[in-house]
Amino acid sequence: MPSNPIELAVIAYAPGSQGNDGRALTIVHGLERALPGLHLKWTSSEKEELIPLSNRDAWVVANGLNGSLPFLCNEDDNNLVTISGWENLNGLASEGPPHFEVHADFRMETFSPIEAVNALEAIAVGARALWGHATPFKAAVEIAEQTAPTLAGPPSPPKGLPALNCSLDISSPEIPHRLGWLNYWSAESARALGFPDPKRDEGLLSRARRTETNGWVVRLTDAPLDLDKPAHLDALLRAYDRFPKIGGR
């Protein structure tokens, strides 16, 4: 196993649930199809001990209070995949209602970039998300600093990245709060961003895929995003320049 495994964080942001609306099982089944050999049939105790689920689907339905997705994982420490989802009381935009967000994590050494795209699409489409992203953890921490407040006041982004507004200052829930390595934009989000523009988005379209729900998954770089690589940082900066609405700027 490589000494520095690339941990991929996948997050999708969706409208709040209306009770048990079936999204949880759709997400789980979709992710299992997206990542070959994956079986999410375990959960964890408060002592972080694995608990096998003899009837996983029924357990998800019974424990998915208010449409949440209770914690699930596989049984492979060398290839650990986890997923869970919950209602976030904060809105995705100014004065917006609570939203539903799904988080999944897995190692890129085990899966290909295309399988990572499949995973983000499965989670986002299953959640009926407005937007989402999948980003290696190291790059995700740096991107988060574009919004995170500092002791001195406003955010101080690294590497020349633009400062982004928090959700309270964003006008529409369809506007993504940030970019990532892989970006899921629903049809509504893509329309709000003006994507695709055949003349301006030729490069992005070469690494983009339309989803069955007319959204898009857009990959900024062929390899997982690494902001210590000048070409990768440039790709991220160019994407922010192309979509000035992202982050409520």
C-alpha atoms as a PDB file:
ATOM      1  CA  MET A   1       0.000   0.000   0.000  1.00  0.00           C
ATOM      2  CA  PRO A   2       1.331   3.500  -0.843  1.00  0.00           C
ATOM      3  CA  SER A   3       2.794   5.401   2.103  1.00  0.00           C
ATOM      4  CA  ASN A   4       0.553   8.404   1.463  1.00  0.00           C
ATOM      5  CA  PRO A   5      -2.882   7.122   0.460  1.00  0.00           C
ATOM      6  CA  ILE A   6      -5.207   9.661  -1.162  1.00  0.00           C
ATOM      7  CA  GLU A   7      -8.385   9.928   0.884  1.00  0.00           C
ATOM      8  CA  LEU A   8     -11.298  11.195  -1.194  1.00  0.00           C
ATOM      9  CA  ALA A   9     -14.100  13.111   0.536  1.00  0.00           C
ATOM     10  CA  VAL A  10     -17.431  13.127  -1.315  1.00  0.00           C
ATOM     11  CA  ILE A  11     -20.192  15.526  -0.239  1.00  0.00           C
ATOM     12  CA  ALA A  12     -23.596  16.195  -1.793  1.00  0.00           C
ATOM     13  CA  TYR A  13     -25.976  18.978  -0.752  1.00  0.00           C
ATOM     14  CA  ALA A  14     -29.705  18.505  -1.302  1.00  0.00           C
ATOM     15  CA  PRO A  15     -33.051  19.980  -0.239  1.00  0.00           C
ATOM     16  CA  GLY A  16     -34.295  18.821   3.150  1.00  0.00           C
ATOM     17  CA  SER A  17     -36.142  15.535   3.485  1.00  0.00           C
ATOM     18  CA  GLN A  18     -39.874  15.035   3.749  1.00  0.00           C
ATOM     19  CA  GLY A  19     -39.849  12.084   6.137  1.00  0.00           C
ATOM     20  CA  ASN A  20     -38.512   8.798   4.808  1.00  0.00           C
ATOM     21  CA  ASP A  21     -38.490   9.653   1.112  1.00  0.00           C
ATOM     22  CA  GLY A  22     -36.469   6.671  -0.107  1.00  0.00           C
ATOM     23  CA  ARG A  23     -33.324   8.624  -0.864  1.00  0.00           C
ATOM     24  CA  ALA A  24     -31.165   6.771   1.665  1.00  0.00           C
ATOM     25  CA  LEU A  25     -31.522   3.350   0.029  1.00  0.00           C
ATOM     26  CA  THR A  26     -31.195   4.829  -3.452  1.00  0.00           C
ATOM     27  CA  ILE A  27     -27.870   6.388  -2.431  1.00  0.00           C
ATOM     28  CA  VAL A  28     -26.551   3.183  -0.847  1.00  0.00           C
ATOM     29  CA  HIS A  29     -27.525   0.971  -3.776  1.00  0.00           C
ATOM     30  CA  GLY A  30     -26.093   3.495  -6.235  1.00  0.00           C
ATOM     31  CA  LEU A  31     -22.753   3.721  -4.448  1.00  0.00           C
ATOM     32  CA  GLU A  32     -22.441  -0.077  -4.318  1.00  0.00           C
ATOM     33  CA  ARG A  33     -22.978  -0.202  -8.075  1.00  0.00           C
ATOM     34  CA  ALA A  34     -20.460   2.609  -8.644  1.00  0.00           C
ATOM     35  CA  LEU A  35     -17.571   1.064  -6.687  1.00  0.00           C
ATOM     36  CA  PRO A  36     -16.846  -2.534  -7.769  1.00  0.00           C
ATOM     37  CA  GLY A  37     -16.993  -5.124  -5.012  1.00  0.00           C
ATOM     38  CA  LEU A  38     -18.389  -2.732  -2.405  1.00  0.00           C
ATOM     39  CA  HIS A  39     -20.810  -4.081   0.215  1.00  0.00           C
ATOM     40  CA  LEU A  40     -21.979  -1.536   2.790  1.00  0.00           C
ATOM     41  CA  LYS A  41     -23.384  -4.040   5.272  1.00  0.00           C
ATOM     42  CA  TRP A  42     -21.855  -2.909   8.565  1.00  0.00           C
ATOM     43  CA  THR A  43     -22.335  -0.055  10.983  1.00  0.00           C
ATOM     44  CA  SER A  44     -20.378   1.032  14.049  1.00  0.00           C
ATOM     45  CA  SER A  45     -21.089   1.039  17.781  1.00  0.00           C
ATOM     46  CA  GLU A  46     -20.348   3.968  20.092  1.00  0.00           C
ATOM     47  CA  LYS A  47     -17.073   2.167  20.871  1.00  0.00           C
ATOM     48  CA  GLU A  48     -16.316   2.083  17.128  1.00  0.00           C
ATOM     49  CA  GLU A  49     -16.809  -1.668  16.936  1.00  0.00           C
ATOM     50  CA  LEU A  50     -18.147  -3.024  13.647  1.00  0.00           C
ATOM     51  CA  ILE A  51     -21.678  -4.397  13.772  1.00  0.00           C
ATOM     52  CA  PRO A  52     -22.855  -6.613  10.876  1.00  0.00           C
ATOM     53  CA  LEU A  53     -26.328  -5.909   9.525  1.00  0.00           C
ATOM     54  CA  SER A  54     -28.236  -9.064   8.580  1.00  0.00           C
ATOM     55  CA  ASN A  55     -30.925  -7.040   6.792  1.00  0.00           C
ATOM     56  CA  ARG A  56     -29.188  -3.823   5.853  1.00  0.00           C
ATOM     57  CA  ASP A  57     -31.972  -2.267   3.792  1.00  0.00           C
ATOM     58  CA  ALA A  58     -34.617  -2.736   6.498  1.00  0.00           C
ATOM     59  CA  TRP A  59     -32.162  -1.391   9.094  1.00  0.00           C
ATOM     60  CA  VAL A  60     -31.541   1.753   7.012  1.00  0.00           C
ATOM     61  CA  VAL A  61     -35.270   2.396   6.694  1.00  0.00           C
ATOM     62  CA  ALA A  62     -35.898   1.794  10.401  1.00  0.00           C
ATOM     63  CA  ASN A  63     -32.993   3.977  11.541  1.00  0.00           C
ATOM     64  CA  GLY A  64     -33.225   6.726   8.956  1.00  0.00           C
ATOM     65  CA  LEU A  65     -35.050   9.216  11.152  1.00  0.00           C
ATOM     66  CA  ASN A  66     -36.296  12.307   9.295  1.00  0.00           C
ATOM     67  CA  GLY A  67     -34.915  10.938   6.057  1.00  0.00           C
ATOM     68  CA  SER A  68     -31.334  10.626   7.317  1.00  0.00           C
ATOM     69  CA  LEU A  69     -28.816   8.019   6.187  1.00  0.00           C
ATOM     70  CA  PRO A  70     -27.342   6.202   9.222  1.00  0.00           C
ATOM     71  CA  PHE A  71     -23.639   5.380   9.196  1.00  0.00           C
ATOM     72  CA  LEU A  72     -22.640   2.463   6.978  1.00  0.00           C
ATOM     73  CA  CYS A  73     -19.295   0.975   6.003  1.00  0.00           C
ATOM     74  CA  ASN A  74     -17.679  -2.095   4.515  1.00  0.00           C
ATOM     75  CA  GLU A  75     -15.526  -4.580   6.422  1.00  0.00           C
ATOM     76  CA  ASP A  76     -12.087  -3.876   4.970  1.00  0.00           C
ATOM     77  CA  ASP A  77      -9.597  -1.753   6.902  1.00  0.00           C
ATOM     78  CA  ASN A  78      -7.329  -1.588   3.854  1.00  0.00           C
ATOM     79  CA  ASN A  79     -10.152  -0.383   1.628  1.00  0.00           C
ATOM     80  CA  LEU A  80     -12.507   1.348   4.039  1.00  0.00           C
ATOM     81  CA  VAL A  81     -15.559   3.041   2.525  1.00  0.00           C
ATOM     82  CA  THR A  82     -17.934   4.981   4.767  1.00  0.00           C
ATOM     83  CA  ILE A  83     -21.135   6.918   4.159  1.00  0.00           C
ATOM     84  CA  SER A  84     -23.720   8.778   6.216  1.00  0.00           C
ATOM     85  CA  GLY A  85     -26.194  11.610   5.743  1.00  0.00           C
ATOM     86  CA  TRP A  86     -28.093  14.007   7.952  1.00  0.00           C
ATOM     87  CA  GLU A  87     -30.153  17.164   8.035  1.00  0.00           C
ATOM     88  CA  ASN A  88     -28.122  20.346   8.462  1.00  0.00           C
ATOM     89  CA  LEU A  89     -30.096  23.113  10.138  1.00  0.00           C
ATOM     90  CA  ASN A  90     -28.262  25.765   8.120  1.00  0.00           C
ATOM     91  CA  GLY A  91     -29.655  26.779   4.765  1.00  0.00           C
ATOM     92  CA  LEU A  92     -27.698  26.536   1.522  1.00  0.00           C
ATOM     93  CA  ALA A  93     -28.476  30.202   0.893  1.00  0.00           C
ATOM     94  CA  SER A  94     -29.573  33.303   2.769  1.00  0.00           C
ATOM     95  CA  GLU A  95     -32.651  32.583   4.944  1.00  0.00           C
ATOM     96  CA  GLY A  96     -32.931  29.143   3.352  1.00  0.00           C
ATOM     97  CA  PRO A  97     -34.499  26.095   5.022  1.00  0.00           C
ATOM     98  CA  PRO A  98     -32.419  23.227   6.478  1.00  0.00           C
ATOM     99  CA  HIS A  99     -30.765  20.991   3.921  1.00  0.00           C
ATOM    100  CA  PHE A 100     -29.787  17.337   3.613  1.00  0.00           C
ATOM    101  CA  GLU A 101     -26.124  16.490   3.114  1.00  0.00           C
ATOM    102  CA  VAL A 102     -24.384  13.193   2.446  1.00  0.00           C
ATOM    103  CA  HIS A 103     -20.727  12.443   3.220  1.00  0.00           C
ATOM    104  CA  ALA A 104     -18.733   9.483   1.908  1.00  0.00           C
ATOM    105  CA  ASP A 105     -15.019   8.700   2.129  1.00  0.00           C
ATOM    106  CA  PHE A 106     -12.781   6.177   0.391  1.00  0.00           C
ATOM    107  CA  ARG A 107      -9.203   5.731  -0.822  1.00  0.00           C
ATOM    108  CA  MET A 108      -8.316   6.542  -4.399  1.00  0.00           C
ATOM    109  CA  GLU A 109      -5.628   3.824  -4.514  1.00  0.00           C
ATOM    110  CA  THR A 110      -8.402   1.255  -4.689  1.00  0.00           C
ATOM    111  CA  PHE A 111     -10.602   2.938  -7.288  1.00  0.00           C
ATOM    112  CA  SER A 112     -10.021   4.727 -10.584  1.00  0.00           C
ATOM    113  CA  PRO A 113     -10.915   8.364 -11.334  1.00  0.00           C
ATOM    114  CA  ILE A 114     -13.830   7.167 -13.462  1.00  0.00           C
ATOM    115  CA  GLU A 115     -15.138   5.092 -10.547  1.00  0.00           C
ATOM    116  CA  ALA A 116     -14.825   8.202  -8.349  1.00  0.00           C
ATOM    117  CA  VAL A 117     -16.935  10.095 -10.901  1.00  0.00           C
ATOM    118  CA  ASN A 118     -19.478   7.265 -10.811  1.00  0.00           C
ATOM    119  CA  ALA A 119     -19.548   7.421  -7.001  1.00  0.00           C
ATOM    120  CA  LEU A 120     -20.172  11.181  -6.881  1.00  0.00           C
ATOM    121  CA  GLU A 121     -22.889  10.898  -9.518  1.00  0.00           C
ATOM    122  CA  ALA A 122     -24.594   8.000  -7.718  1.00  0.00           C
ATOM    123  CA  ILE A 123     -24.627   9.832  -4.385  1.00  0.00           C
ATOM    124  CA  ALA A 124     -25.680  13.198  -5.801  1.00  0.00           C
ATOM    125  CA  VAL A 125     -28.403  11.877  -8.101  1.00  0.00           C
ATOM    126  CA  GLY A 126     -29.675   9.513  -5.400  1.00  0.00           C
ATOM    127  CA  ALA A 127     -29.839  12.370  -2.894  1.00  0.00           C
ATOM    128  CA  ARG A 128     -31.538  14.643  -5.473  1.00  0.00           C
ATOM    129  CA  ALA A 129     -28.744  17.060  -4.704  1.00  0.00           C
ATOM    130  CA  LEU A 130     -28.446  20.571  -6.030  1.00  0.00           C
ATOM    131  CA  TRP A 131     -24.657  20.358  -6.110  1.00  0.00           C
ATOM    132  CA  GLY A 132     -21.761  18.443  -4.624  1.00  0.00           C
ATOM    133  CA  HIS A 133     -18.078  17.670  -5.001  1.00  0.00           C
ATOM    134  CA  ALA A 134     -15.409  15.035  -4.435  1.00  0.00           C
ATOM    135  CA  THR A 135     -11.930  16.192  -3.434  1.00  0.00           C
ATOM    136  CA  PRO A 136      -8.791  14.641  -1.922  1.00  0.00           C
ATOM    137  CA  PHE A 137      -8.676  15.513   1.773  1.00  0.00           C
ATOM    138  CA  LYS A 138      -5.498  17.630   1.609  1.00  0.00           C
ATOM    139  CA  ALA A 139      -6.843  19.835  -1.181  1.00  0.00           C
ATOM    140  CA  ALA A 140     -10.267  19.966   0.486  1.00  0.00           C
ATOM    141  CA  VAL A 141      -8.719  21.461   3.642  1.00  0.00           C
ATOM    142  CA  GLU A 142      -7.066  24.215   1.606  1.00  0.00           C
ATOM    143  CA  ILE A 143     -10.271  24.911  -0.322  1.00  0.00           C
ATOM    144  CA  ALA A 144     -12.218  25.105   2.963  1.00  0.00           C
ATOM    145  CA  GLU A 145      -9.907  27.935   4.020  1.00  0.00           C
ATOM    146  CA  GLN A 146     -11.469  30.033   1.281  1.00  0.00           C
ATOM    147  CA  THR A 147     -14.547  30.364   3.480  1.00  0.00           C
ATOM    148  CA  ALA A 148     -13.461  29.539   7.047  1.00  0.00           C
ATOM    149  CA  PRO A 149     -13.299  32.621   9.298  1.00  0.00           C
ATOM    150  CA  THR A 150      -9.994  33.453  10.899  1.00  0.00           C
ATOM    151  CA  LEU A 151      -9.081  35.147  14.183  1.00  0.00           C
ATOM    152  CA  ALA A 152      -8.228  38.235  12.134  1.00  0.00           C
ATOM    153  CA  GLY A 153     -11.689  38.356  10.573  1.00  0.00           C
ATOM    154  CA  PRO A 154     -12.314  37.442   6.926  1.00  0.00           C
ATOM    155  CA  PRO A 155     -10.940  34.239   5.397  1.00  0.00           C
ATOM    156  CA  SER A 156      -7.338  34.230   4.202  1.00  0.00           C
ATOM    157  CA  PRO A 157      -7.214  31.661   1.385  1.00  0.00           C
ATOM    158  CA  PRO A 158      -3.921  29.958   0.521  1.00  0.00           C
ATOM    159  CA  LYS A 159      -2.194  29.885  -2.873  1.00  0.00           C
ATOM    160  CA  GLY A 160      -4.000  32.903  -4.313  1.00  0.00           C
ATOM    161  CA  LEU A 161      -7.431  31.272  -4.200  1.00  0.00           C
ATOM    162  CA  PRO A 162     -10.388  33.689  -4.028  1.00  0.00           C
ATOM    163  CA  ALA A 163     -12.194  34.362  -0.761  1.00  0.00           C
ATOM    164  CA  LEU A 164     -15.709  32.913  -0.754  1.00  0.00           C
ATOM    165  CA  ASN A 165     -18.817  33.975   1.120  1.00  0.00           C
ATOM    166  CA  CYS A 166     -20.592  31.810   3.672  1.00  0.00           C
ATOM    167  CA  SER A 167     -24.069  30.487   2.913  1.00  0.00           C
ATOM    168  CA  LEU A 168     -25.727  33.429   4.708  1.00  0.00           C
ATOM    169  CA  ASP A 169     -24.438  35.681   1.935  1.00  0.00           C
ATOM    170  CA  ILE A 170     -25.347  33.456  -1.010  1.00  0.00           C
ATOM    171  CA  SER A 171     -28.520  34.381  -2.850  1.00  0.00           C
ATOM    172  CA  SER A 172     -29.671  31.008  -4.184  1.00  0.00           C
ATOM    173  CA  PRO A 173     -29.344  27.388  -2.999  1.00  0.00           C
ATOM    174  CA  GLU A 174     -28.437  26.353  -6.549  1.00  0.00           C
ATOM    175  CA  ILE A 175     -25.151  28.292  -6.360  1.00  0.00           C
ATOM    176  CA  PRO A 176     -22.301  25.992  -5.214  1.00  0.00           C
ATOM    177  CA  HIS A 177     -20.363  27.239  -2.201  1.00  0.00           C
ATOM    178  CA  ARG A 178     -17.021  26.086  -3.606  1.00  0.00           C
ATOM    179  CA  LEU A 179     -15.282  24.006  -6.248  1.00  0.00           C
ATOM    180  CA  GLY A 180     -13.662  20.608  -5.844  1.00  0.00           C
ATOM    181  CA  TRP A 181     -11.752  18.102  -7.946  1.00  0.00           C
ATOM    182  CA  LEU A 182     -14.997  16.498  -9.200  1.00  0.00           C
ATOM    183  CA  ASN A 183     -18.009  18.791  -9.270  1.00  0.00           C
ATOM    184  CA  TYR A 184     -21.648  17.731  -9.469  1.00  0.00           C
ATOM    185  CA  TRP A 185     -24.043  20.419 -10.677  1.00  0.00           C
ATOM    186  CA  SER A 186     -27.729  19.634 -10.995  1.00  0.00           C
ATOM    187  CA  ALA A 187     -29.589  20.960 -14.029  1.00  0.00           C
ATOM    188  CA  GLU A 188     -30.671  23.908 -11.867  1.00  0.00           C
ATOM    189  CA  SER A 189     -27.143  24.632 -10.667  1.00  0.00           C
ATOM    190  CA  ALA A 190     -25.652  24.329 -14.147  1.00  0.00           C
ATOM    191  CA  ARG A 191     -28.272  26.750 -15.455  1.00  0.00           C
ATOM    192  CA  ALA A 192     -27.515  29.221 -12.647  1.00  0.00           C
ATOM    193  CA  LEU A 193     -23.793  29.037 -13.480  1.00  0.00           C
ATOM    194  CA  GLY A 194     -24.288  29.331 -17.225  1.00  0.00           C
ATOM    195  CA  PHE A 195     -22.757  25.929 -17.900  1.00  0.00           C
ATOM    196  CA  PRO A 196     -22.088  24.670 -20.469  1.00  0.00           C
ATOM    197  CA  ASP A 197     -21.056  27.425 -22.832  1.00  0.00           C
ATOM    198  CA  PRO A 198     -19.655  25.642 -25.907  1.00  0.00           C
ATOM    199  CA  LYS A 199     -17.211  28.461 -26.649  1.00  0.00           C
ATOM    200  CA  ARG A 200     -15.931  29.018 -23.105  1.00  0.00           C
ATOM    201  CA  ASP A 201     -16.120  25.494 -21.680  1.00  0.00           C
ATOM    202  CA  GLU A 202     -14.402  23.366 -24.316  1.00  0.00           C
ATOM    203  CA  GLY A 203     -11.700  22.270 -21.858  1.00  0.00           C
ATOM    204  CA  LEU A 204     -14.134  21.509 -19.050  1.00  0.00           C
ATOM    205  CA  LEU A 205     -16.497  19.679 -21.382  1.00  0.00           C
ATOM    206  CA  SER A 206     -13.678  17.339 -22.410  1.00  0.00           C
ATOM    207  CA  ARG A 207     -13.668  16.055 -18.812  1.00  0.00           C
ATOM    208  CA  ALA A 208     -17.408  16.415 -18.114  1.00  0.00           C
ATOM    209  CA  ARG A 209     -20.287  13.968 -18.205  1.00  0.00           C
ATOM    210  CA  ARG A 210     -24.004  14.629 -18.316  1.00  0.00           C
ATOM    211  CA  THR A 211     -26.107  12.701 -15.806  1.00  0.00           C
ATOM    212  CA  GLU A 212     -29.390  10.897 -16.342  1.00  0.00           C
ATOM    213  CA  THR A 213     -31.136  13.819 -14.584  1.00  0.00           C
ATOM    214  CA  ASN A 214     -29.566  16.413 -16.943  1.00  0.00           C
ATOM    215  CA  GLY A 215     -27.023  17.535 -14.382  1.00  0.00           C
ATOM    216  CA  TRP A 216     -23.273  17.421 -14.902  1.00  0.00           C
ATOM    217  CA  VAL A 217     -20.180  15.938 -13.291  1.00  0.00           C
ATOM    218  CA  VAL A 218     -17.195  18.130 -14.173  1.00  0.00           C
ATOM    219  CA  ARG A 219     -13.624  16.983 -13.458  1.00  0.00           C
ATOM    220  CA  LEU A 220     -11.062  19.799 -13.190  1.00  0.00           C
ATOM    221  CA  THR A 221      -7.944  17.624 -13.623  1.00  0.00           C
ATOM    222  CA  ASP A 222      -7.369  14.100 -14.878  1.00  0.00           C
ATOM    223  CA  ALA A 223      -5.532  13.025 -11.702  1.00  0.00           C
ATOM    224  CA  PRO A 224      -6.840  13.738  -8.181  1.00  0.00           C
ATOM    225  CA  LEU A 225      -6.477  17.434  -7.383  1.00  0.00           C
ATOM    226  CA  ASP A 226      -3.157  18.365  -5.750  1.00  0.00           C
ATOM    227  CA  LEU A 227      -2.737  22.098  -5.186  1.00  0.00           C
ATOM    228  CA  ASP A 228       1.032  21.697  -4.775  1.00  0.00           C
ATOM    229  CA  LYS A 229       1.121  20.984  -8.522  1.00  0.00           C
ATOM    230  CA  PRO A 230       1.111  24.278 -10.481  1.00  0.00           C
ATOM    231  CA  ALA A 231      -1.026  22.861 -13.303  1.00  0.00           C
ATOM    232  CA  HIS A 232      -3.673  21.686 -10.833  1.00  0.00           C
ATOM    233  CA  LEU A 233      -3.729  25.011  -8.973  1.00  0.00           C
ATOM    234  CA  ASP A 234      -4.036  26.818 -12.308  1.00  0.00           C
ATOM    235  CA  ALA A 235      -6.987  24.615 -13.296  1.00  0.00           C
ATOM    236  CA  LEU A 236      -8.782  25.466 -10.050  1.00  0.00           C
ATOM    237  CA  LEU A 237      -8.068  29.201 -10.401  1.00  0.00           C
ATOM    238  CA  ARG A 238      -9.292  29.202 -14.006  1.00  0.00           C
ATOM    239  CA  ALA A 239     -12.511  27.475 -12.949  1.00  0.00           C
ATOM    240  CA  TYR A 240     -13.144  30.113 -10.296  1.00  0.00           C
ATOM    241  CA  ASP A 241     -12.531  32.810 -12.917  1.00  0.00           C
ATOM    242  CA  ARG A 242     -14.992  31.105 -15.263  1.00  0.00           C
ATOM    243  CA  PHE A 243     -17.739  30.830 -12.620  1.00  0.00           C
ATOM    244  CA  PRO A 244     -17.658  34.027 -10.519  1.00  0.00           C
ATOM    245  CA  LYS A 245     -21.026  33.181  -8.922  1.00  0.00           C
ATOM    246  CA  ILE A 246     -19.526  30.228  -7.056  1.00  0.00           C
ATOM    247  CA  GLY A 247     -19.122  31.123  -3.400  1.00  0.00           C
ATOM    248  CA  GLY A 248     -21.475  34.093  -3.726  1.00  0.00           C
ATOM    249  CA  ARG A 249     -18.765  36.433  -4.985  1.00  0.00           C
END
